[in-house]
Amino acid sequence: MIGCDCAVCRSSDPRDRRTRPSILIEHDSHLPDSAIAAAVRNVLVDTSTDLRAQALAYDIRRVDAILFTHSHADHVMGLDDVRRFNWIQKSVIGCYGDRQTLSDIRRMFRYVFDQPAYGSGGIPQLALFEIAGPFSLGDIEIVPVPLMHGDRMILGIRIGSFAYLTDCSSIPDASWPLIEGVRTLVLDALRERPHPTHLSVAEALEVVARLQPERAYFTHMCHDLPHAATCARLPDGVQLAYDGLVLESD
């Protein structure tokens, strides 16, 4: 937190140095070798405000597609930095989100989509696609999971046995069947105290108890939750996520 001297903000534990929430899905394609070059391999979920720093820190060199959970600033404001991937890959990047998110992105980044007025130099090359249900990117099958973020409906995602549910305060009844049987769960858990738009740690643990994944990682924590001390009191198989965490899933 800017201007904060709490123990977490002053911590020397690198796991307490948190940038804004985003994940990169690196996919091992099962396509024939002849098709690998054109396959979707790296899918970015949200373009966080810290995208440039994250890409440099973890040597991200390719983004084939972008999934947006919603259009709040911490999840979209790094979008301009995608232009570097356009230049490296010499290709337009597809961006996927619900109708409200895509509408907000068009408004927030008008200069990207209103090129006759702003010119084309240094502008991300993007194609927007509305998510209306399960879909595929190459041989990656994606199931959108509607979630409530306060009074706004947003999207989580499920790919195989992996689910990513950030920024949620509740899971609608119709969405529970979409995440049954997940083995790896990444889930919002902002802090101990209740919050109107995010799950608390106790509420997140209730979701874990219902889904019974093999492992669960909490994300979108604020500085109320020190990494080591919080993990020490979480149940087996549950821990806080941290920047640079790498998971394998099927």
Protein backbone atom coordinates (compact mmCIF):
# COMPACT_ATOMS: atom_id res chain seq x y z
CA MET A 1 0.00 0.00 0.00
CA ILE A 2 1.25 3.48 -0.84
CA GLY A 3 2.45 5.28 2.28
CA CYS A 4 1.89 2.32 4.60
CA ASP A 5 4.33 1.18 7.31
CA CYS A 6 2.48 -1.95 8.45
CA ALA A 7 4.38 -5.20 8.99
CA VAL A 8 3.29 -6.68 5.66
CA CYS A 9 4.19 -3.58 3.65
CA ARG A 10 7.62 -3.53 5.33
CA SER A 11 8.09 -7.29 5.13
CA SER A 12 11.32 -8.76 3.75
CA ASP A 13 9.44 -11.88 2.62
CA PRO A 14 9.22 -11.62 -1.20
CA ARG A 15 5.83 -13.36 -1.05
CA ASP A 16 4.46 -10.24 0.64
CA ARG A 17 5.42 -8.09 -2.38
CA ARG A 18 2.18 -8.28 -4.32
CA THR A 19 1.39 -6.79 -7.70
CA ARG A 20 -2.12 -6.65 -9.14
CA PRO A 21 -3.93 -9.96 -9.87
CA SER A 22 -3.33 -11.71 -13.19
CA ILE A 23 -2.29 -15.16 -14.38
CA LEU A 24 -0.67 -16.55 -17.51
CA ILE A 25 -1.86 -19.94 -18.73
CA GLU A 26 0.90 -21.75 -20.63
CA HIS A 27 -0.61 -24.58 -22.63
CA ASP A 28 1.17 -27.68 -23.88
CA SER A 29 -0.67 -28.28 -27.14
CA HIS A 30 -1.59 -31.76 -28.29
CA LEU A 31 -1.86 -30.59 -31.88
CA PRO A 32 0.37 -32.14 -34.58
CA ASP A 33 3.84 -30.61 -34.87
CA SER A 34 2.83 -28.96 -38.14
CA ALA A 35 0.17 -26.93 -36.32
CA ILE A 36 2.12 -25.96 -33.20
CA ALA A 37 3.42 -22.69 -34.64
CA ALA A 38 -0.13 -21.44 -35.12
CA ALA A 39 -1.52 -22.88 -31.87
CA VAL A 40 -2.70 -20.86 -28.89
CA ARG A 41 -0.04 -21.45 -26.27
CA ASN A 42 -0.11 -18.52 -23.84
CA VAL A 43 -3.40 -17.10 -22.59
CA LEU A 44 -3.23 -14.05 -20.33
CA VAL A 45 -6.05 -13.58 -17.84
CA ASP A 46 -6.51 -9.83 -17.29
CA THR A 47 -4.06 -7.08 -18.21
CA SER A 48 -3.25 -5.82 -14.76
CA THR A 49 -1.96 -2.33 -14.04
CA ASP A 50 1.40 -3.98 -13.40
CA LEU A 51 1.54 -5.97 -16.66
CA ARG A 52 4.80 -4.45 -17.91
CA ALA A 53 6.62 -5.11 -14.62
CA GLN A 54 5.16 -8.63 -14.42
CA ALA A 55 6.18 -9.48 -17.99
CA LEU A 56 9.73 -8.27 -17.33
CA ALA A 57 9.99 -10.06 -13.99
CA TYR A 58 8.86 -13.43 -15.37
CA ASP A 59 10.23 -13.17 -18.92
CA ILE A 60 6.87 -13.34 -20.67
CA ARG A 61 7.52 -13.13 -24.41
CA ARG A 62 4.28 -14.31 -25.97
CA VAL A 63 0.55 -13.68 -25.46
CA ASP A 64 -1.77 -15.40 -27.93
CA ALA A 65 -5.08 -14.38 -26.35
CA ILE A 66 -6.42 -12.38 -23.41
CA LEU A 67 -9.35 -13.33 -21.20
CA PHE A 68 -10.91 -10.57 -19.11
CA THR A 69 -12.71 -11.36 -15.88
CA HIS A 70 -14.11 -7.82 -15.68
CA SER A 71 -13.18 -4.23 -16.41
CA HIS A 72 -12.12 -2.76 -13.08
CA ALA A 73 -8.95 -0.71 -13.35
CA ASP A 74 -6.64 -3.19 -11.62
CA HIS A 75 -7.59 -5.83 -14.21
CA VAL A 76 -7.43 -3.84 -17.46
CA MET A 77 -5.19 -0.79 -17.16
CA GLY A 78 -2.08 -2.59 -18.44
CA LEU A 79 -3.72 -3.20 -21.82
CA ASP A 80 -1.61 -0.66 -23.69
CA ASP A 81 1.54 -2.70 -22.97
CA VAL A 82 0.14 -5.54 -25.06
CA ARG A 83 1.42 -3.67 -28.14
CA ARG A 84 4.88 -5.06 -27.43
CA PHE A 85 3.56 -8.60 -27.96
CA ASN A 86 1.91 -7.45 -31.18
CA TRP A 87 5.30 -6.29 -32.42
CA ILE A 88 7.11 -9.49 -31.39
CA GLN A 89 4.45 -11.80 -32.80
CA LYS A 90 3.46 -9.68 -35.82
CA SER A 91 -0.19 -10.51 -35.14
CA VAL A 92 -3.43 -9.15 -33.74
CA ILE A 93 -4.33 -10.47 -30.27
CA GLY A 94 -7.86 -11.64 -29.53
CA CYS A 95 -9.45 -10.32 -26.33
CA TYR A 96 -12.41 -12.13 -24.75
CA GLY A 97 -14.86 -10.83 -22.17
CA ASP A 98 -18.51 -10.37 -21.37
CA ARG A 99 -20.52 -7.62 -23.05
CA GLN A 100 -20.13 -5.04 -20.30
CA THR A 101 -16.39 -5.61 -20.03
CA LEU A 102 -15.83 -5.22 -23.77
CA SER A 103 -17.97 -2.08 -23.84
CA ASP A 104 -15.96 -0.60 -20.96
CA ILE A 105 -12.67 -1.46 -22.67
CA ARG A 106 -13.78 0.24 -25.90
CA ARG A 107 -14.61 3.35 -23.87
CA MET A 108 -11.52 3.33 -21.64
CA PHE A 109 -9.13 2.68 -24.54
CA ARG A 110 -10.94 4.67 -27.22
CA TYR A 111 -7.65 5.57 -28.91
CA VAL A 112 -7.06 1.87 -29.67
CA PHE A 113 -10.35 1.35 -31.46
CA ASP A 114 -10.90 4.84 -32.94
CA GLN A 115 -7.70 4.80 -34.99
CA PRO A 116 -8.79 7.25 -37.74
CA ALA A 117 -8.97 9.93 -35.07
CA TYR A 118 -5.83 9.01 -33.18
CA GLY A 119 -3.54 7.49 -35.78
CA SER A 120 -1.98 4.03 -35.62
CA GLY A 121 1.51 4.56 -34.22
CA GLY A 122 2.22 2.50 -31.10
CA ILE A 123 -1.37 1.33 -30.70
CA PRO A 124 -2.20 -2.21 -29.55
CA GLN A 125 -3.67 -4.37 -32.29
CA LEU A 126 -6.65 -6.10 -30.71
CA ALA A 127 -9.78 -7.96 -31.75
CA LEU A 128 -12.65 -8.13 -29.25
CA PHE A 129 -14.86 -11.20 -28.89
CA GLU A 130 -17.85 -11.50 -26.57
CA ILE A 131 -17.99 -14.55 -24.30
CA ALA A 132 -21.46 -16.04 -24.41
CA GLY A 133 -20.74 -19.54 -23.08
CA PRO A 134 -18.06 -22.25 -23.21
CA PHE A 135 -15.63 -21.83 -26.09
CA SER A 136 -12.25 -23.01 -27.37
CA LEU A 137 -9.00 -21.24 -28.13
CA GLY A 138 -7.17 -23.74 -30.32
CA ASP A 139 -7.40 -26.93 -28.30
CA ILE A 140 -7.89 -25.08 -24.98
CA GLU A 141 -11.47 -25.53 -23.80
CA ILE A 142 -12.64 -22.67 -21.59
CA VAL A 143 -15.72 -22.65 -19.39
CA PRO A 144 -16.75 -19.17 -18.16
CA VAL A 145 -18.03 -19.18 -14.59
CA PRO A 146 -20.39 -16.31 -13.67
CA LEU A 147 -19.54 -14.82 -10.27
CA MET A 148 -20.87 -11.95 -8.20
CA HIS A 149 -18.44 -9.11 -7.46
CA GLY A 150 -20.65 -7.09 -5.17
CA ASP A 151 -23.71 -6.36 -7.33
CA ARG A 152 -21.85 -6.87 -10.60
CA MET A 153 -21.71 -10.13 -12.50
CA ILE A 154 -18.17 -10.98 -13.63
CA LEU A 155 -16.47 -14.10 -14.98
CA GLY A 156 -14.23 -16.74 -13.49
CA ILE A 157 -12.77 -19.42 -15.73
CA ARG A 158 -12.41 -23.17 -15.70
CA ILE A 159 -9.94 -25.07 -17.87
CA GLY A 160 -9.94 -28.81 -17.28
CA SER A 161 -9.49 -29.44 -13.56
CA PHE A 162 -8.31 -25.86 -12.88
CA ALA A 163 -10.54 -22.95 -11.86
CA TYR A 164 -9.63 -19.30 -11.36
CA LEU A 165 -12.21 -17.30 -9.40
CA THR A 166 -10.86 -13.89 -8.53
CA ASP A 167 -12.74 -10.81 -7.32
CA CYS A 168 -15.85 -12.62 -6.16
CA SER A 169 -18.10 -12.01 -3.18
CA SER A 170 -20.41 -14.95 -3.89
CA ILE A 171 -20.95 -17.80 -6.32
CA PRO A 172 -24.44 -17.97 -7.89
CA ASP A 173 -26.34 -21.24 -7.52
CA ALA A 174 -26.19 -21.88 -11.27
CA SER A 175 -22.37 -21.62 -11.28
CA TRP A 176 -21.61 -24.33 -8.71
CA PRO A 177 -22.10 -27.21 -11.20
CA LEU A 178 -19.56 -25.51 -13.51
CA ILE A 179 -16.80 -25.91 -10.93
CA GLU A 180 -17.64 -29.30 -9.45
CA GLY A 181 -14.70 -31.69 -9.52
CA VAL A 182 -11.97 -29.05 -9.83
CA ARG A 183 -8.68 -30.26 -8.40
CA THR A 184 -6.82 -26.95 -8.40
CA LEU A 185 -8.70 -23.86 -7.25
CA VAL A 186 -7.49 -20.26 -7.18
CA LEU A 187 -9.98 -18.18 -5.21
CA ASP A 188 -10.50 -14.62 -4.01
CA ALA A 189 -9.83 -14.05 -0.27
CA LEU A 190 -9.27 -10.38 0.45
CA ARG A 191 -8.89 -10.27 4.25
CA GLU A 192 -10.29 -11.60 7.54
CA ARG A 193 -13.06 -9.01 7.89
CA PRO A 194 -16.12 -9.18 5.63
CA HIS A 195 -16.09 -7.00 2.52
CA PRO A 196 -19.00 -6.09 0.22
CA THR A 197 -17.29 -7.12 -3.03
CA HIS A 198 -14.77 -9.83 -2.06
CA LEU A 199 -14.74 -13.08 -0.11
CA SER A 200 -13.18 -13.01 3.32
CA VAL A 201 -10.80 -15.80 4.34
CA ALA A 202 -13.58 -17.56 6.26
CA GLU A 203 -15.95 -17.32 3.29
CA ALA A 204 -13.28 -18.59 0.91
CA LEU A 205 -12.68 -21.56 3.22
CA GLU A 206 -16.39 -22.37 3.03
CA VAL A 207 -16.10 -22.54 -0.76
CA VAL A 208 -13.06 -24.82 -0.45
CA ALA A 209 -14.92 -27.07 2.00
CA ARG A 210 -17.82 -27.39 -0.45
CA LEU A 211 -15.70 -28.05 -3.56
CA GLN A 212 -13.03 -30.20 -1.86
CA PRO A 213 -10.24 -29.51 -4.40
CA GLU A 214 -6.90 -31.25 -3.97
CA ARG A 215 -5.28 -27.85 -3.49
CA ALA A 216 -6.51 -24.28 -3.16
CA TYR A 217 -4.71 -20.97 -3.41
CA PHE A 218 -6.13 -17.68 -2.20
CA THR A 219 -5.51 -14.56 -4.27
CA HIS A 220 -6.31 -10.81 -4.30
CA MET A 221 -5.20 -10.47 -0.67
CA CYS A 222 -4.79 -7.02 0.84
CA HIS A 223 -2.03 -6.12 3.28
CA ASP A 224 -4.05 -7.45 6.21
CA LEU A 225 -2.75 -10.95 5.44
CA PRO A 226 0.96 -11.69 5.98
CA HIS A 227 1.96 -14.62 3.81
CA ALA A 228 3.82 -16.89 6.22
CA ALA A 229 1.61 -16.33 9.28
CA THR A 230 -1.60 -16.74 7.28
CA CYS A 231 -0.45 -19.92 5.55
CA ALA A 232 0.59 -21.40 8.90
CA ARG A 233 -3.01 -21.37 10.13
CA LEU A 234 -4.77 -22.42 6.92
CA PRO A 235 -5.91 -26.04 6.53
CA ASP A 236 -3.78 -28.59 4.72
CA GLY A 237 -3.91 -28.10 0.97
CA VAL A 238 -4.80 -24.40 1.26
CA GLN A 239 -2.34 -21.51 1.08
CA LEU A 240 -1.96 -17.97 -0.14
CA ALA A 241 -0.81 -17.55 -3.70
CA TYR A 242 2.15 -15.26 -4.41
CA ASP A 243 3.71 -13.47 -7.34
CA GLY A 244 5.68 -15.92 -9.51
CA LEU A 245 3.84 -19.01 -8.29
CA VAL A 246 3.84 -21.75 -10.97
CA LEU A 247 1.22 -24.52 -10.93
CA GLU A 248 0.76 -27.55 -13.14
CA SER A 249 -2.71 -28.78 -13.96
CA ASP A 250 -4.50 -30.96 -16.51
